[in-house]
Amino acid sequence: WAVRKLPNVLLLHFNDAKRDLQGTVEKIAAFLGVDLTQEELKRVVHKCGFDYMKERSQMFNFTFPTNPRLPQGFSAFKTGALVREGSFGSGE
């Protein structure tokens, strides 16, 4: 929290992204100094949408392949656990 005002820190809130995903993507792009065409913006917003990510939830499984004490591909989460309902508080 102490670093929140540093110029290389961007704080985002899930509810803001849920309410205005395109605005959030535009905010991130501006922060990173990335100029997106309208087509690129549309594609990024689509791929950041809940339905798109839910259909591909297997892509969001975290594994720990660099820890030699864990089995190859070990994951602390069950498959699809990180993309659930797309609503605030649904993980509680």
Protein backbone atom coordinates (compact mmCIF):
# COMPACT_ATOMS: atom_id res chain seq x y z
CA TRP A 1 0.00 0.00 0.00
CA ALA A 2 2.90 2.30 0.69
CA VAL A 3 3.88 2.24 -3.01
CA ARG A 4 0.42 3.07 -4.39
CA LYS A 5 1.43 6.59 -5.46
CA LEU A 6 4.59 5.60 -7.30
CA PRO A 7 4.48 6.38 -11.02
CA ASN A 8 5.00 2.73 -11.97
CA VAL A 9 2.07 1.44 -9.89
CA LEU A 10 -1.48 1.20 -11.22
CA LEU A 11 -4.20 0.16 -8.80
CA LEU A 12 -7.29 -1.43 -10.29
CA HIS A 13 -10.46 -2.73 -8.69
CA PHE A 14 -12.37 -5.76 -9.92
CA ASN A 15 -15.72 -3.96 -9.63
CA ASP A 16 -14.48 -1.13 -11.86
CA ALA A 17 -13.34 -3.62 -14.49
CA LYS A 18 -16.61 -5.51 -14.21
CA ARG A 19 -18.62 -2.31 -14.62
CA ASP A 20 -16.50 -0.87 -17.46
CA LEU A 21 -14.12 -3.41 -18.97
CA GLN A 22 -13.30 -1.30 -22.02
CA GLY A 23 -12.51 1.71 -19.84
CA THR A 24 -10.27 -0.44 -17.67
CA VAL A 25 -8.41 -1.80 -20.70
CA GLU A 26 -7.98 1.76 -22.00
CA LYS A 27 -6.64 2.82 -18.58
CA ILE A 28 -4.11 -0.04 -18.54
CA ALA A 29 -3.02 0.69 -22.12
CA ALA A 30 -2.52 4.37 -21.32
CA PHE A 31 -0.56 3.49 -18.17
CA LEU A 32 1.71 1.22 -20.22
CA GLY A 33 2.03 3.74 -23.04
CA VAL A 34 0.38 1.40 -25.55
CA ASP A 35 -1.68 2.87 -28.38
CA LEU A 36 -4.42 0.43 -29.42
CA THR A 37 -6.41 0.67 -32.61
CA GLN A 38 -10.17 0.30 -32.22
CA GLU A 39 -9.89 -3.26 -33.57
CA GLU A 40 -7.13 -4.14 -31.10
CA LEU A 41 -9.10 -2.62 -28.23
CA LYS A 42 -12.18 -4.60 -29.24
CA ARG A 43 -10.14 -7.84 -29.39
CA VAL A 44 -8.49 -7.23 -25.99
CA VAL A 45 -11.83 -6.43 -24.35
CA HIS A 46 -13.34 -9.58 -25.85
CA LYS A 47 -10.47 -11.76 -24.61
CA CYS A 48 -10.64 -10.20 -21.14
CA GLY A 49 -14.35 -10.91 -20.86
CA PHE A 50 -15.63 -13.50 -18.42
CA ASP A 51 -17.32 -15.71 -21.03
CA TYR A 52 -14.14 -15.92 -23.13
CA MET A 53 -11.99 -16.75 -20.10
CA LYS A 54 -14.51 -19.24 -18.67
CA GLU A 55 -14.54 -21.16 -21.96
CA ARG A 56 -10.74 -21.38 -21.68
CA SER A 57 -10.41 -21.80 -17.92
CA GLN A 58 -7.78 -24.54 -18.37
CA MET A 59 -5.43 -21.82 -19.66
CA PHE A 60 -5.53 -20.13 -16.25
CA ASN A 61 -4.31 -23.05 -14.15
CA PHE A 62 -1.21 -22.13 -12.19
CA THR A 63 1.47 -24.78 -11.91
CA PHE A 64 4.83 -24.81 -10.17
CA PRO A 65 7.18 -26.62 -12.58
CA THR A 66 10.38 -25.03 -11.20
CA ASN A 67 10.07 -26.46 -7.68
CA PRO A 68 11.86 -29.84 -7.72
CA ARG A 69 10.08 -30.94 -4.52
CA LEU A 70 6.66 -30.85 -6.21
CA PRO A 71 5.37 -33.27 -8.84
CA GLN A 72 5.64 -32.08 -12.46
CA GLY A 73 2.71 -29.75 -13.22
CA PHE A 74 1.59 -29.53 -9.59
CA SER A 75 -1.17 -26.97 -9.08
CA ALA A 76 -2.48 -25.53 -5.83
CA PHE A 77 -5.89 -25.06 -7.49
CA LYS A 78 -8.29 -27.52 -9.03
CA THR A 79 -8.87 -27.11 -12.76
CA GLY A 80 -11.00 -24.06 -13.52
CA ALA A 81 -10.93 -22.79 -9.93
CA LEU A 82 -9.58 -19.36 -10.82
CA VAL A 83 -12.41 -18.54 -13.26
CA ARG A 84 -15.64 -19.13 -11.36
CA GLU A 85 -18.63 -16.80 -11.54
CA GLY A 86 -17.21 -13.47 -12.64
CA SER A 87 -18.76 -11.57 -9.77
CA PHE A 88 -17.32 -9.82 -6.73
CA GLY A 89 -17.37 -11.93 -3.58
CA SER A 90 -18.16 -15.19 -5.37
CA GLY A 91 -14.95 -16.73 -4.06
CA GLU A 92 -15.81 -16.19 -0.41
